[in-house]
N, C-alpha and C. Protein backbone atom coordinates (compact mmCIF):
# COMPACT_ATOMS: atom_id res chain seq x y z
N UNK A 1 68.32 103.65 113.54
CA UNK A 1 67.43 102.89 112.80
C UNK A 1 67.94 102.82 111.52
N UNK A 2 68.24 101.56 110.74
CA UNK A 2 69.00 101.34 109.70
C UNK A 2 68.15 100.57 108.61
N UNK A 3 66.88 100.42 108.72
CA UNK A 3 66.04 99.46 107.87
C UNK A 3 65.71 100.06 106.65
N UNK A 4 64.95 99.26 105.80
CA UNK A 4 64.86 99.93 104.31
C UNK A 4 63.65 101.11 104.66
N UNK A 5 62.76 100.84 105.36
CA UNK A 5 61.73 102.03 105.47
C UNK A 5 62.46 103.36 105.94
N UNK A 6 63.23 103.32 106.84
CA UNK A 6 64.23 104.55 107.14
C UNK A 6 64.79 105.03 106.16
N UNK A 7 65.61 104.42 105.40
CA UNK A 7 66.17 104.62 104.02
C UNK A 7 65.39 105.09 102.98
N UNK A 8 64.22 104.57 102.77
CA UNK A 8 63.35 104.96 101.59
C UNK A 8 62.66 106.42 102.05
N UNK A 9 62.53 106.85 103.45
CA UNK A 9 62.24 108.00 103.66
C UNK A 9 63.18 108.96 103.36
N UNK A 10 64.52 108.66 103.67
CA UNK A 10 65.67 109.60 103.44
C UNK A 10 66.03 109.89 102.12
N UNK A 11 65.72 108.79 101.37
CA UNK A 11 65.98 108.81 99.97
C UNK A 11 64.95 109.35 98.96
N UNK A 12 63.90 109.73 99.80
CA UNK A 12 62.54 110.34 99.15
C UNK A 12 62.71 111.93 98.69
N UNK A 13 63.66 112.42 99.34
CA UNK A 13 63.73 113.87 98.93
C UNK A 13 64.12 113.96 97.44
N UNK A 14 63.67 115.11 96.85
CA UNK A 14 63.56 115.02 95.35
C UNK A 14 65.10 115.12 95.01
N UNK A 15 65.83 115.86 95.64
CA UNK A 15 67.45 115.94 95.39
C UNK A 15 68.17 114.61 95.59
N UNK A 16 69.25 114.30 95.00
CA UNK A 16 69.99 113.04 95.50
C UNK A 16 70.72 113.24 96.93
N UNK A 17 70.43 112.50 97.78
CA UNK A 17 71.00 112.58 99.02
C UNK A 17 72.62 112.54 99.17
N UNK A 18 73.29 111.88 98.35
CA UNK A 18 74.78 111.83 98.23
C UNK A 18 75.28 112.63 97.07
N UNK A 19 74.54 113.10 96.04
CA UNK A 19 74.63 113.84 95.04
C UNK A 19 74.82 112.88 93.77
N UNK A 20 75.20 113.49 92.61
CA UNK A 20 75.02 112.59 91.49
C UNK A 20 76.66 112.44 91.01
N UNK A 21 77.66 112.86 91.39
CA UNK A 21 78.88 112.56 91.14
C UNK A 21 79.40 111.23 91.76
N UNK A 22 80.52 110.48 91.46
CA UNK A 22 81.00 109.44 92.04
C UNK A 22 81.56 109.81 93.19
N UNK A 23 81.79 108.95 94.04
CA UNK A 23 82.90 109.27 95.10
C UNK A 23 84.13 109.39 94.61
N UNK A 24 84.89 110.40 95.15
CA UNK A 24 86.19 110.90 94.99
C UNK A 24 86.98 109.61 94.86
N UNK A 25 87.26 108.81 95.79
CA UNK A 25 88.08 107.82 95.82
C UNK A 25 88.13 106.80 94.61
N UNK A 26 86.74 106.41 94.62
CA UNK A 26 86.33 105.46 93.55
C UNK A 26 86.79 105.87 92.07
N UNK A 27 86.49 107.18 91.83
CA UNK A 27 86.50 107.83 90.67
C UNK A 27 88.17 108.02 90.52
N UNK A 28 89.03 108.25 91.51
CA UNK A 28 90.48 108.23 91.07
C UNK A 28 91.22 106.84 90.76
N UNK A 29 90.55 105.96 91.27
CA UNK A 29 90.99 104.48 91.21
C UNK A 29 90.37 103.68 90.21
N UNK A 30 89.15 103.92 89.40
CA UNK A 30 88.65 103.32 88.43
C UNK A 30 89.48 102.94 87.37
N UNK A 31 90.39 103.80 87.00
CA UNK A 31 91.33 103.49 86.08
C UNK A 31 92.05 102.15 86.08
N UNK A 32 92.05 101.59 87.30
CA UNK A 32 92.87 100.32 87.43
C UNK A 32 91.84 99.07 87.20
N UNK A 33 90.74 99.06 86.86
CA UNK A 33 89.59 98.19 86.58
C UNK A 33 90.04 97.60 85.10
N UNK A 34 90.00 96.46 84.83
CA UNK A 34 90.24 96.09 83.51
C UNK A 34 88.95 96.44 82.55
N UNK A 35 89.14 96.90 81.30
CA UNK A 35 88.00 97.34 80.48
C UNK A 35 86.61 96.05 80.42
N UNK A 36 85.64 96.57 80.35
CA UNK A 36 84.47 95.70 80.70
C UNK A 36 84.14 94.93 81.81
N UNK A 37 84.79 95.29 82.91
CA UNK A 37 84.74 94.57 84.28
C UNK A 37 83.17 94.42 84.76
N UNK A 38 82.90 93.08 85.17
CA UNK A 38 81.68 92.92 85.87
C UNK A 38 81.91 93.31 87.28
N UNK A 39 81.20 94.51 87.73
CA UNK A 39 81.35 95.01 88.91
C UNK A 39 80.03 94.78 89.95
N UNK A 40 80.25 94.72 91.04
CA UNK A 40 79.15 94.68 92.19
C UNK A 40 79.24 95.64 92.99
N UNK A 41 78.44 96.66 93.15
CA UNK A 41 78.33 97.96 93.81
C UNK A 41 77.61 97.47 95.10
N UNK A 42 78.08 97.62 96.29
CA UNK A 42 77.42 97.01 97.38
C UNK A 42 76.78 98.19 98.31
N UNK A 43 75.43 97.89 98.42
CA UNK A 43 75.11 99.19 99.36
C UNK A 43 75.24 100.61 98.34
N UNK A 44 74.61 100.55 97.22
CA UNK A 44 74.88 101.62 96.24
C UNK A 44 73.78 102.66 96.38
N UNK A 45 72.77 102.60 97.00
CA UNK A 45 72.05 103.81 97.29
C UNK A 45 71.29 104.18 95.77
N UNK A 46 71.41 105.64 95.70
CA UNK A 46 71.11 106.35 94.52
C UNK A 46 71.52 106.16 93.17
N UNK A 47 72.77 105.04 93.29
CA UNK A 47 73.52 104.58 92.03
C UNK A 47 74.53 105.76 91.38
N UNK A 48 75.10 106.57 92.17
CA UNK A 48 76.01 107.61 91.75
C UNK A 48 77.30 106.76 91.17
N UNK A 49 77.72 105.77 92.04
CA UNK A 49 78.79 105.12 91.59
C UNK A 49 78.70 104.04 90.55
N UNK A 50 77.60 103.28 90.56
CA UNK A 50 77.50 102.59 89.83
C UNK A 50 77.13 103.10 88.26
N UNK A 51 76.41 104.23 88.08
CA UNK A 51 76.29 104.96 86.74
C UNK A 51 77.71 105.34 86.37
N UNK A 52 78.54 105.70 87.32
CA UNK A 52 79.81 106.31 86.74
C UNK A 52 80.57 105.27 86.09
N UNK A 53 80.42 103.91 86.87
CA UNK A 53 81.27 102.89 86.26
C UNK A 53 80.97 102.41 84.95
N UNK A 54 79.27 102.33 85.00
CA UNK A 54 78.70 102.26 83.62
C UNK A 54 79.22 103.09 82.59
N UNK A 55 79.14 104.22 82.54
CA UNK A 55 79.66 105.14 82.00
C UNK A 55 81.14 105.07 81.24
N UNK A 56 82.03 104.09 82.14
CA UNK A 56 83.41 103.85 81.61
C UNK A 56 83.08 102.42 80.87
N UNK A 57 82.05 101.95 80.42
CA UNK A 57 81.75 100.78 79.69
C UNK A 57 82.03 99.47 80.67
N UNK A 58 81.72 99.54 81.93
CA UNK A 58 81.75 98.35 82.75
C UNK A 58 80.35 97.81 82.75
N UNK A 59 80.17 96.32 83.31
CA UNK A 59 78.89 95.79 83.38
C UNK A 59 78.59 95.81 84.84
N UNK A 60 77.64 96.76 85.31
CA UNK A 60 77.46 96.83 86.80
C UNK A 60 76.38 96.50 87.22
N UNK A 61 76.33 95.74 88.64
CA UNK A 61 75.11 95.46 89.34
C UNK A 61 75.22 96.76 90.57
N UNK A 62 74.12 97.36 90.73
CA UNK A 62 73.86 98.35 91.91
C UNK A 62 73.08 97.73 92.83
N UNK A 63 73.54 97.14 94.01
CA UNK A 63 72.57 96.41 94.96
C UNK A 63 72.17 97.04 96.05
N UNK A 64 70.90 97.33 96.43
CA UNK A 64 70.58 98.28 97.68
C UNK A 64 69.24 97.63 98.20
N UNK A 65 68.78 97.83 99.25
CA UNK A 65 67.43 97.48 100.13
C UNK A 65 66.48 98.48 99.77
N UNK A 66 66.86 99.76 99.06
CA UNK A 66 65.76 100.91 99.41
C UNK A 66 65.20 100.86 98.05
N UNK A 67 64.17 100.52 97.60
CA UNK A 67 63.34 100.70 96.46
C UNK A 67 63.31 102.13 95.97
N UNK A 68 63.07 103.19 96.79
CA UNK A 68 63.33 104.48 96.50
C UNK A 68 64.63 104.94 95.69
N UNK A 69 65.76 104.55 96.53
CA UNK A 69 66.88 104.59 96.06
C UNK A 69 67.17 104.06 94.78
N UNK A 70 66.80 102.83 94.56
CA UNK A 70 67.10 102.09 93.25
C UNK A 70 66.32 102.86 91.89
N UNK A 71 65.12 103.27 92.21
CA UNK A 71 64.24 104.12 91.15
C UNK A 71 65.17 105.25 90.91
N UNK A 72 65.79 105.99 91.90
CA UNK A 72 66.62 106.94 91.38
C UNK A 72 67.95 106.51 90.60
N UNK A 73 68.35 105.68 91.01
CA UNK A 73 69.64 105.03 90.45
C UNK A 73 69.03 104.59 88.95
N UNK A 74 67.94 104.00 88.64
CA UNK A 74 67.72 103.82 87.21
C UNK A 74 67.21 105.18 86.31
N UNK A 75 66.76 105.87 87.18
CA UNK A 75 66.66 107.68 86.54
C UNK A 75 67.96 108.16 86.23
N UNK A 76 68.70 108.13 87.08
CA UNK A 76 70.22 108.57 86.92
C UNK A 76 70.92 107.92 85.78
N UNK A 77 70.71 106.66 85.72
CA UNK A 77 71.24 105.68 84.46
C UNK A 77 70.80 106.28 83.28
N UNK A 78 69.37 106.29 83.27
CA UNK A 78 68.65 106.72 81.89
C UNK A 78 69.12 108.13 81.34
N UNK A 79 69.17 108.94 82.55
CA UNK A 79 69.75 110.48 82.07
C UNK A 79 71.18 110.34 81.57
N UNK A 80 71.89 109.53 82.09
CA UNK A 80 73.23 109.19 81.53
C UNK A 80 73.52 108.57 80.32
N UNK A 81 72.30 107.96 80.07
CA UNK A 81 72.30 107.21 78.66
C UNK A 81 73.26 105.57 78.89
N UNK A 82 73.28 105.12 80.07
CA UNK A 82 73.76 103.95 80.36
C UNK A 82 72.92 102.85 81.04
N UNK A 83 73.42 101.55 81.03
CA UNK A 83 72.49 100.65 81.65
C UNK A 83 73.14 100.20 82.99
N UNK A 84 72.36 100.00 84.13
CA UNK A 84 72.94 99.54 85.40
C UNK A 84 71.95 98.50 85.59
N UNK A 85 72.23 97.39 86.22
CA UNK A 85 71.32 96.37 86.70
C UNK A 85 71.21 96.45 87.99
N UNK A 86 69.90 96.69 88.56
CA UNK A 86 69.60 96.97 90.05
C UNK A 86 69.05 95.86 90.63
N UNK A 87 69.75 95.40 91.86
CA UNK A 87 69.12 94.42 92.67
C UNK A 87 68.50 94.79 93.97
N UNK A 88 67.34 94.55 94.19
CA UNK A 88 66.67 95.02 95.38
C UNK A 88 66.85 94.09 96.38
N UNK A 89 67.77 94.07 97.42
CA UNK A 89 68.00 93.09 98.35
C UNK A 89 68.41 93.75 99.40
N UNK A 90 68.28 93.06 100.62
CA UNK A 90 69.08 93.46 101.77
C UNK A 90 70.19 92.73 101.92
N UNK A 91 71.47 93.33 102.26
CA UNK A 91 72.54 92.39 102.40
C UNK A 91 72.39 91.40 103.34
N UNK A 92 71.68 91.32 104.46
CA UNK A 92 71.53 90.22 105.32
C UNK A 92 70.97 88.92 104.56
N UNK A 93 70.09 89.39 103.44
CA UNK A 93 69.51 88.25 103.09
C UNK A 93 70.33 87.81 101.67
N UNK A 94 71.23 89.03 100.88
CA UNK A 94 71.99 88.77 100.13
C UNK A 94 73.07 87.50 100.23
N UNK A 95 73.55 87.46 101.51
CA UNK A 95 74.69 86.77 101.99
C UNK A 95 74.23 85.23 101.96
N UNK A 96 72.75 84.93 101.95
CA UNK A 96 72.29 83.58 102.03
C UNK A 96 71.91 83.14 100.69
N UNK A 97 71.87 83.94 99.65
CA UNK A 97 71.59 83.67 98.32
C UNK A 97 72.71 82.84 97.60
N UNK A 98 72.08 82.08 96.60
CA UNK A 98 73.18 81.62 95.55
C UNK A 98 74.13 82.52 95.03
N UNK A 99 75.44 82.23 94.68
CA UNK A 99 76.11 83.04 93.95
C UNK A 99 75.85 83.15 92.65
N UNK A 100 76.43 84.35 91.97
CA UNK A 100 76.11 84.75 90.49
C UNK A 100 76.49 83.67 89.52
N UNK A 101 76.13 83.55 88.32
CA UNK A 101 76.63 82.52 87.31
C UNK A 101 77.89 82.80 87.08
N UNK A 102 78.41 84.20 87.12
CA UNK A 102 79.74 84.53 86.63
C UNK A 102 80.41 85.34 87.85
N UNK A 103 81.71 85.20 88.06
CA UNK A 103 82.12 85.79 89.29
C UNK A 103 82.35 87.13 88.93
N UNK A 104 82.74 87.96 90.08
CA UNK A 104 82.89 89.49 89.97
C UNK A 104 84.28 89.77 89.39
N UNK A 105 84.65 90.76 88.70
CA UNK A 105 85.78 91.20 88.33
C UNK A 105 86.12 92.26 89.44
N UNK A 106 85.24 92.85 89.94
CA UNK A 106 85.72 93.95 91.16
C UNK A 106 84.17 94.00 91.92
N UNK A 107 84.49 94.29 93.16
CA UNK A 107 83.67 94.61 94.19
C UNK A 107 83.92 96.05 94.72
N UNK A 108 82.77 96.82 94.86
CA UNK A 108 82.82 98.20 95.21
C UNK A 108 82.03 98.47 96.77
N UNK A 109 82.80 99.00 97.67
CA UNK A 109 81.98 99.23 98.63
C UNK A 109 82.42 100.49 99.29
N UNK A 110 81.47 101.54 99.28
CA UNK A 110 81.84 102.93 99.54
C UNK A 110 80.56 103.43 100.46
N UNK A 111 81.21 103.66 101.49
CA UNK A 111 80.11 104.15 102.87
C UNK A 111 79.26 102.90 103.06
N UNK A 112 79.45 101.83 103.11
CA UNK A 112 78.72 100.56 103.55
C UNK A 112 78.91 100.28 104.86
N UNK A 113 78.25 100.85 105.83
CA UNK A 113 78.37 100.83 107.46
C UNK A 113 77.39 99.75 108.03
N UNK A 114 77.94 98.81 108.01
CA UNK A 114 77.00 97.57 108.74
C UNK A 114 77.57 97.23 110.13
N UNK A 115 76.75 96.49 110.92
CA UNK A 115 76.92 95.83 112.06
C UNK A 115 78.30 94.90 111.89
N UNK A 116 79.11 94.84 112.83
CA UNK A 116 80.26 94.10 112.62
C UNK A 116 80.05 92.69 111.97
N UNK A 117 79.20 91.85 112.52
CA UNK A 117 78.88 90.43 112.19
C UNK A 117 78.44 90.38 110.83
N UNK A 118 77.59 91.26 110.47
CA UNK A 118 77.18 91.29 109.11
C UNK A 118 78.27 91.55 107.98
N UNK A 119 78.93 92.73 108.59
CA UNK A 119 79.93 93.24 107.61
C UNK A 119 81.07 92.23 107.27
N UNK A 120 81.33 91.52 108.34
CA UNK A 120 82.30 90.41 108.09
C UNK A 120 81.69 89.43 107.05
N UNK A 121 80.47 89.13 107.38
CA UNK A 121 79.83 88.11 106.34
C UNK A 121 79.89 88.53 105.03
N UNK A 122 79.40 89.67 104.81
CA UNK A 122 79.24 90.29 103.60
C UNK A 122 80.69 90.13 102.84
N UNK A 123 81.79 90.49 103.45
CA UNK A 123 83.05 90.39 102.90
C UNK A 123 83.61 89.15 102.50
N UNK A 124 83.17 88.00 103.42
CA UNK A 124 83.51 86.93 103.20
C UNK A 124 82.77 86.24 101.76
N UNK A 125 81.34 86.67 101.68
CA UNK A 125 80.73 86.12 100.48
C UNK A 125 81.31 86.97 99.24
N UNK A 126 81.20 88.02 99.36
CA UNK A 126 81.94 88.99 98.20
C UNK A 126 83.24 88.14 97.68
N UNK A 127 83.89 87.89 98.88
CA UNK A 127 85.29 87.42 98.45
C UNK A 127 85.20 86.03 97.55
N UNK A 128 84.26 85.39 98.09
CA UNK A 128 84.04 83.90 97.44
C UNK A 128 83.64 84.11 96.04
N UNK A 129 82.84 85.35 95.66
CA UNK A 129 82.16 85.46 94.50
C UNK A 129 83.03 86.27 93.42
N UNK A 130 84.41 86.58 94.11
CA UNK A 130 84.97 87.45 93.10
C UNK A 130 86.32 86.49 92.46
N UNK A 131 86.42 86.80 91.28
CA UNK A 131 87.56 85.84 90.67
C UNK A 131 89.14 86.15 91.05
N UNK A 132 89.93 85.19 90.99
CA UNK A 132 91.21 85.38 91.26
C UNK A 132 91.76 86.59 90.48
N UNK A 133 92.56 87.52 91.08
CA UNK A 133 92.93 88.78 90.41
C UNK A 133 91.97 89.70 90.50
N UNK A 134 90.67 89.64 90.93
CA UNK A 134 89.75 90.81 90.92
C UNK A 134 90.05 91.86 91.95
N UNK A 135 89.48 92.98 91.61
CA UNK A 135 89.85 94.18 92.70
C UNK A 135 88.66 94.29 93.49
N UNK A 136 89.06 95.14 94.61
CA UNK A 136 88.29 95.61 95.76
C UNK A 136 88.59 97.12 95.84
N UNK A 137 87.38 97.99 95.96
CA UNK A 137 87.81 99.20 96.28
C UNK A 137 86.83 99.57 97.15
N UNK A 138 87.35 100.05 98.41
CA UNK A 138 86.59 100.12 99.58
C UNK A 138 86.96 101.48 100.37
N UNK A 139 85.87 102.61 100.60
CA UNK A 139 86.02 103.51 101.44
C UNK A 139 84.90 103.45 102.46
N UNK A 140 85.40 103.84 103.79
CA UNK A 140 84.67 104.02 104.71
C UNK A 140 84.79 105.06 105.90
N UNK A 141 83.89 105.29 106.46
CA UNK A 141 84.38 106.49 107.79
C UNK A 141 85.08 105.73 108.84
N UNK A 142 86.16 106.33 109.66
CA UNK A 142 86.49 105.73 110.52
C UNK A 142 85.81 106.18 111.96
N UNK A 143 86.09 105.86 113.21
CA UNK A 143 85.70 106.21 114.38
C UNK A 143 86.14 107.75 114.78
N UNK A 144 87.01 108.22 114.03
CA UNK A 144 87.42 109.56 114.26
C UNK A 144 86.39 110.54 113.65
N UNK A 145 85.42 110.01 112.81
CA UNK A 145 84.42 110.69 112.18
C UNK A 145 83.26 111.22 112.84
N UNK A 146 83.33 110.54 114.02
CA UNK A 146 82.33 110.92 115.08
C UNK A 146 82.58 112.40 115.50
N UNK A 147 83.62 112.90 115.86
CA UNK A 147 83.90 114.41 116.25
C UNK A 147 83.92 115.27 114.92
N UNK A 148 83.75 114.76 113.64
CA UNK A 148 83.88 115.90 112.63
C UNK A 148 82.79 116.25 112.07
N UNK A 149 81.47 115.68 112.43
CA UNK A 149 80.34 116.03 112.00
C UNK A 149 79.89 116.29 110.59
N UNK A 150 80.61 115.62 109.69
CA UNK A 150 80.43 115.66 108.21
C UNK A 150 79.68 114.63 107.52
N UNK A 151 79.18 113.59 108.33
CA UNK A 151 78.17 112.70 107.82
C UNK A 151 78.75 111.32 108.28
N UNK A 152 77.76 110.36 108.15
CA UNK A 152 78.34 109.02 108.33
C UNK A 152 77.24 108.55 109.71
N UNK A 153 77.74 107.26 110.06
CA UNK A 153 76.94 106.84 111.00
C UNK A 153 77.08 107.35 112.33
N UNK A 154 76.19 107.25 113.36
CA UNK A 154 76.44 107.66 114.74
C UNK A 154 76.84 106.61 115.50
N UNK A 155 76.72 105.38 115.17
CA UNK A 155 77.16 104.11 115.89
C UNK A 155 78.55 103.78 115.67
N UNK A 156 79.26 104.01 116.73
CA UNK A 156 80.76 103.67 116.46
C UNK A 156 81.10 102.19 115.88
N UNK A 157 80.13 101.29 116.34
CA UNK A 157 80.36 100.06 115.82
C UNK A 157 80.45 99.79 114.25
N UNK A 158 79.93 100.78 113.63
CA UNK A 158 79.59 100.64 112.32
C UNK A 158 80.67 101.39 111.49
N UNK A 159 81.53 101.98 112.09
CA UNK A 159 82.63 102.74 111.75
C UNK A 159 83.82 101.81 111.43
N UNK A 160 84.80 102.22 110.89
CA UNK A 160 85.73 101.13 110.29
C UNK A 160 87.34 101.60 110.62
N UNK A 161 87.90 100.57 111.17
CA UNK A 161 89.52 100.85 111.17
C UNK A 161 90.09 100.30 110.27
N UNK A 162 91.38 100.37 109.95
CA UNK A 162 92.45 99.70 109.22
C UNK A 162 92.50 98.11 109.72
N UNK A 163 92.42 97.74 110.81
CA UNK A 163 92.42 96.54 111.29
C UNK A 163 91.26 95.76 110.99
N UNK A 164 89.84 96.45 110.95
CA UNK A 164 88.69 95.81 110.50
C UNK A 164 88.79 95.48 109.23
N UNK A 165 89.31 96.30 108.48
CA UNK A 165 89.32 95.88 106.86
C UNK A 165 90.02 94.91 106.59
N UNK A 166 91.27 95.04 107.33
CA UNK A 166 92.36 93.86 107.02
C UNK A 166 91.78 92.60 107.54
N UNK A 167 91.02 92.53 108.87
CA UNK A 167 90.61 91.17 109.06
C UNK A 167 89.16 90.79 108.38
N UNK A 168 88.24 91.62 107.90
CA UNK A 168 87.29 91.26 107.02
C UNK A 168 87.32 90.74 105.83
N UNK A 169 88.51 91.58 105.28
CA UNK A 169 88.95 90.93 103.86
C UNK A 169 89.73 89.85 103.65
N UNK A 170 89.79 88.59 104.20
CA UNK A 170 90.80 87.72 104.15
C UNK A 170 90.66 87.01 102.47
N UNK A 171 91.73 86.83 102.09
CA UNK A 171 92.07 86.38 100.70
C UNK A 171 92.43 87.41 99.91
N UNK A 172 92.81 88.72 100.07
CA UNK A 172 93.04 89.60 99.33
C UNK A 172 94.44 90.22 99.81
N UNK A 173 95.23 90.86 98.54
CA UNK A 173 96.42 91.62 98.99
C UNK A 173 95.89 92.95 98.86
N UNK A 174 96.07 93.43 100.03
CA UNK A 174 95.28 94.83 100.39
C UNK A 174 96.32 96.05 100.65
N UNK A 175 95.88 97.13 99.96
CA UNK A 175 96.73 98.25 100.35
C UNK A 175 96.02 99.33 100.96
N UNK A 176 95.82 99.33 102.51
CA UNK A 176 94.93 100.21 103.30
C UNK A 176 95.36 101.36 103.67
N UNK A 177 94.61 102.42 103.80
CA UNK A 177 95.16 103.56 103.91
C UNK A 177 94.29 104.59 104.95
N UNK A 178 94.73 105.45 105.82
CA UNK A 178 93.98 106.04 106.46
C UNK A 178 94.15 107.61 106.01
N UNK A 179 93.07 108.54 105.71
CA UNK A 179 93.05 109.83 105.22
C UNK A 179 91.99 110.70 105.68
N UNK A 180 92.44 112.00 105.85
CA UNK A 180 91.51 112.92 106.22
C UNK A 180 91.46 113.79 105.00
N UNK A 181 90.30 113.79 104.58
CA UNK A 181 89.83 114.71 103.25
C UNK A 181 88.62 115.33 103.20
N UNK A 182 88.21 116.54 102.46
CA UNK A 182 87.23 117.12 102.33
C UNK A 182 86.03 116.38 101.45
N UNK A 183 84.98 115.99 102.12
CA UNK A 183 84.04 115.40 101.11
C UNK A 183 83.03 116.50 100.70
N UNK A 184 82.45 116.18 99.42
CA UNK A 184 81.24 117.33 98.94
C UNK A 184 80.60 116.30 98.28
N UNK A 185 79.73 115.40 98.99
CA UNK A 185 78.87 114.36 98.23
C UNK A 185 77.26 114.85 98.55
N UNK A 186 76.70 115.48 97.69
CA UNK A 186 75.27 115.72 98.05
C UNK A 186 75.19 116.62 99.54
N UNK A 187 73.71 116.41 100.03
CA UNK A 187 73.36 116.99 101.28
C UNK A 187 74.10 116.19 102.65
N UNK A 188 74.10 114.95 102.44
CA UNK A 188 74.54 114.06 103.40
C UNK A 188 76.07 114.20 103.89
N UNK A 189 77.23 114.34 102.85
CA UNK A 189 78.45 114.24 103.23
C UNK A 189 79.30 115.64 102.91
N UNK A 190 79.30 116.47 103.91
CA UNK A 190 79.96 117.76 103.58
C UNK A 190 81.10 118.02 104.61
N UNK A 191 82.31 118.29 104.18
CA UNK A 191 83.23 118.83 105.29
C UNK A 191 84.53 117.89 105.19
N UNK A 192 85.14 118.10 106.21
CA UNK A 192 86.24 117.27 106.68
C UNK A 192 85.64 115.74 106.91
N UNK A 193 86.56 114.91 106.50
CA UNK A 193 85.95 113.51 106.99
C UNK A 193 87.31 112.70 107.19
N UNK A 194 87.04 111.73 108.06
CA UNK A 194 88.00 110.81 108.24
C UNK A 194 87.70 109.41 107.85
N UNK A 195 88.40 108.83 106.90
CA UNK A 195 88.09 107.72 105.93
C UNK A 195 89.42 106.54 106.13
N UNK A 196 88.77 105.58 105.80
CA UNK A 196 89.71 104.29 105.62
C UNK A 196 89.62 103.77 104.20
N UNK A 197 90.54 103.78 103.58
CA UNK A 197 90.52 103.49 101.95
C UNK A 197 91.37 102.19 101.73
N UNK A 198 90.81 101.09 100.79
CA UNK A 198 91.54 100.10 100.57
C UNK A 198 91.42 99.68 99.12
N UNK A 199 92.56 99.45 98.45
CA UNK A 199 92.44 98.66 97.11
C UNK A 199 92.87 97.10 97.34
N UNK A 200 92.23 96.32 96.82
CA UNK A 200 92.81 94.93 97.17
C UNK A 200 92.57 94.29 95.75
N UNK A 201 93.53 93.18 95.70
CA UNK A 201 93.55 92.19 94.44
C UNK A 201 93.25 90.76 95.09
N UNK A 202 92.33 90.17 94.69
CA UNK A 202 91.95 88.76 95.14
C UNK A 202 93.16 87.96 94.65
N UNK A 203 93.43 86.94 95.84
CA UNK A 203 94.58 86.05 95.89
C UNK A 203 93.85 84.84 94.85
N UNK A 204 94.82 84.44 94.12
CA UNK A 204 94.43 83.39 93.13
C UNK A 204 94.26 81.77 93.81
């Protein structure tokens, strides 16, 4: 079950499910963003990644379908003294909505594990909404994650391969890598993990 009610229940724990610190891959690559970037964080949950980017001076939208998570994202932003714009919307609905007034300078997709058809649609819409030269920063668990037990979906269809990333994100110059790394992200991601990571630049 992956609906908003399920995630509201998971995020209702007083601690932050995935911790307060940004994803390691995002943190290591954020220096590549141009100053003051307009950034869309997809499926951003409790806001750790959006708040980190806002603390670096970016104009950030944190998109998620869990109102409980978004309340925690706003609380974390307030605690860190930054502003983050939260959009409460299911990605299945977001893909049908009109695009933003201004294009995105960057799209961040960290552990956004969707059914394949919606995943491809989200990638296509995010691509349409990103300016030429804009950046993509993506990390997701691979099918090998199932044997590691350190977090992520139990449905193999929601895990991602290198080929998935390359096929989903058409219109980008991509650097896609597979990695095994130790994750320490709150209560939900702990231990050795198998991930696919991608940096992308939107074609003009």
